[in-house]
C-alpha atoms as a PDB file:
ATOM      1  CA  MET A   1      -6.801 -60.751  21.893  1.00  0.00           C
ATOM      2  CA  ILE A   2      -9.504 -59.672  24.327  1.00  0.00           C
ATOM      3  CA  ASN A   3      -9.103 -60.645  27.962  1.00  0.00           C
ATOM      4  CA  SER A   4     -12.340 -60.912  29.894  1.00  0.00           C
ATOM      5  CA  PHE A   5     -12.150 -60.394  33.619  1.00  0.00           C
ATOM      6  CA  ASP A   6     -14.713 -62.209  35.737  1.00  0.00           C
ATOM      7  CA  MET A   7     -14.842 -61.089  39.319  1.00  0.00           C
ATOM      8  CA  LYS A   8     -14.972 -63.807  41.979  1.00  0.00           C
ATOM      9  CA  LEU A   9     -17.815 -63.489  44.469  1.00  0.00           C
ATOM     10  CA  LEU A  10     -18.837 -65.343  47.601  1.00  0.00           C
ATOM     11  CA  VAL A  11     -22.361 -66.698  47.503  1.00  0.00           C
ATOM     12  CA  TYR A  12     -24.162 -68.261  50.440  1.00  0.00           C
ATOM     13  CA  ARG A  13     -26.694 -70.979  51.076  1.00  0.00           C
ATOM     14  CA  TYR A  14     -29.792 -69.513  52.693  1.00  0.00           C
ATOM     15  CA  ARG A  15     -33.019 -70.542  54.346  1.00  0.00           C
ATOM     16  CA  TYR A  16     -36.422 -69.179  55.194  1.00  0.00           C
ATOM     17  CA  GLY A  17     -37.743 -69.575  58.698  1.00  0.00           C
ATOM     18  CA  SER A  18     -36.495 -69.378  62.246  1.00  0.00           C
ATOM     19  CA  ASP A  19     -33.222 -70.862  63.478  1.00  0.00           C
ATOM     20  CA  GLN A  20     -35.171 -72.306  66.403  1.00  0.00           C
ATOM     21  CA  ALA A  21     -37.636 -74.031  64.093  1.00  0.00           C
ATOM     22  CA  ALA A  22     -35.188 -75.819  61.810  1.00  0.00           C
ATOM     23  CA  ASN A  23     -37.778 -78.457  60.945  1.00  0.00           C
ATOM     24  CA  HIS A  24     -39.970 -75.684  59.475  1.00  0.00           C
ATOM     25  CA  ALA A  25     -37.175 -74.006  57.520  1.00  0.00           C
ATOM     26  CA  HIS A  26     -37.181 -74.044  53.724  1.00  0.00           C
ATOM     27  CA  MET A  27     -33.824 -74.162  51.922  1.00  0.00           C
ATOM     28  CA  PRO A  28     -34.077 -73.048  48.288  1.00  0.00           C
ATOM     29  CA  PRO A  29     -31.932 -74.876  45.710  1.00  0.00           C
ATOM     30  CA  TYR A  30     -29.659 -71.854  45.256  1.00  0.00           C
ATOM     31  CA  TYR A  31     -26.652 -70.114  46.672  1.00  0.00           C
ATOM     32  CA  ALA A  32     -27.022 -66.326  46.453  1.00  0.00           C
ATOM     33  CA  THR A  33     -25.204 -63.064  47.087  1.00  0.00           C
ATOM     34  CA  LEU A  34     -25.776 -61.392  50.441  1.00  0.00           C
ATOM     35  CA  GLU A  35     -27.446 -58.490  48.630  1.00  0.00           C
ATOM     36  CA  TYR A  36     -30.074 -60.858  47.213  1.00  0.00           C
ATOM     37  CA  ILE A  37     -30.658 -62.615  50.540  1.00  0.00           C
ATOM     38  CA  GLU A  38     -30.998 -59.332  52.454  1.00  0.00           C
ATOM     39  CA  HIS A  39     -33.966 -58.361  50.276  1.00  0.00           C
ATOM     40  CA  LEU A  40     -35.901 -61.541  51.047  1.00  0.00           C
ATOM     41  CA  ILE A  41     -38.325 -61.317  53.946  1.00  0.00           C
ATOM     42  CA  GLY A  42     -37.600 -64.004  56.535  1.00  0.00           C
ATOM     43  CA  ALA A  43     -34.442 -65.302  54.832  1.00  0.00           C
ATOM     44  CA  ASN A  44     -31.095 -65.823  56.561  1.00  0.00           C
ATOM     45  CA  ALA A  45     -27.703 -66.532  55.015  1.00  0.00           C
ATOM     46  CA  ILE A  46     -25.901 -69.604  56.323  1.00  0.00           C
ATOM     47  CA  LYS A  47     -22.486 -68.018  56.770  1.00  0.00           C
ATOM     48  CA  ASP A  48     -20.550 -71.279  57.068  1.00  0.00           C
ATOM     49  CA  GLN A  49     -21.951 -72.578  53.749  1.00  0.00           C
ATOM     50  CA  SER A  50     -20.443 -70.382  51.075  1.00  0.00           C
ATOM     51  CA  ILE A  51     -18.698 -70.929  47.768  1.00  0.00           C
ATOM     52  CA  GLU A  52     -16.649 -68.674  45.533  1.00  0.00           C
ATOM     53  CA  VAL A  53     -17.919 -68.387  41.968  1.00  0.00           C
ATOM     54  CA  ASP A  54     -17.327 -66.253  38.898  1.00  0.00           C
ATOM     55  CA  GLU A  55     -19.719 -63.346  38.609  1.00  0.00           C
ATOM     56  CA  SER A  56     -20.666 -64.598  35.143  1.00  0.00           C
ATOM     57  CA  ASP A  57     -22.002 -67.850  36.676  1.00  0.00           C
ATOM     58  CA  LEU A  58     -24.765 -65.987  38.541  1.00  0.00           C
ATOM     59  CA  ASP A  59     -28.224 -65.417  37.142  1.00  0.00           C
ATOM     60  CA  GLY A  60     -29.666 -61.914  36.824  1.00  0.00           C
ATOM     61  CA  LEU A  61     -30.808 -61.979  40.448  1.00  0.00           C
ATOM     62  CA  GLY A  62     -27.430 -62.940  41.927  1.00  0.00           C
ATOM     63  CA  ARG A  63     -28.097 -66.650  42.417  1.00  0.00           C
ATOM     64  CA  ILE A  64     -26.497 -69.882  41.304  1.00  0.00           C
ATOM     65  CA  ALA A  65     -28.318 -73.197  41.365  1.00  0.00           C
ATOM     66  CA  ILE A  66     -26.844 -75.874  43.587  1.00  0.00           C
ATOM     67  CA  ASP A  67     -25.226 -78.260  41.166  1.00  0.00           C
ATOM     68  CA  GLU A  68     -22.702 -81.042  41.507  1.00  0.00           C
ATOM     69  CA  LYS A  69     -20.781 -79.483  38.596  1.00  0.00           C
ATOM     70  CA  VAL A  70     -19.736 -76.474  40.713  1.00  0.00           C
ATOM     71  CA  ASN A  71     -16.113 -77.194  41.542  1.00  0.00           C
ATOM     72  CA  SER A  72     -15.667 -74.568  44.231  1.00  0.00           C
ATOM     73  CA  ARG A  73     -14.758 -75.509  47.771  1.00  0.00           C
ATOM     74  CA  PRO A  74     -16.761 -74.237  50.748  1.00  0.00           C
ATOM     75  CA  CYS A  75     -15.072 -71.215  52.282  1.00  0.00           C
ATOM     76  CA  ALA A  76     -14.382 -70.954  55.993  1.00  0.00           C
ATOM     77  CA  ASP A  77     -15.079 -67.733  57.895  1.00  0.00           C
END
């Protein structure tokens, strides 16, 4: 019997644009790892909107689409 071990990771909702200009901000339909978000120009992680997911649920870029099927609870800082 082979046991597979999937590591749990926190992924965050993120947005493009300024915090002051919330009406001009774009929120992609993904949660993503901090490493992914840090490489996007003008993107900011929303630290109070995170979920814990299995590493295997992420795409090759470190994202997971926002989906009602995700049964993870938001994590508090």
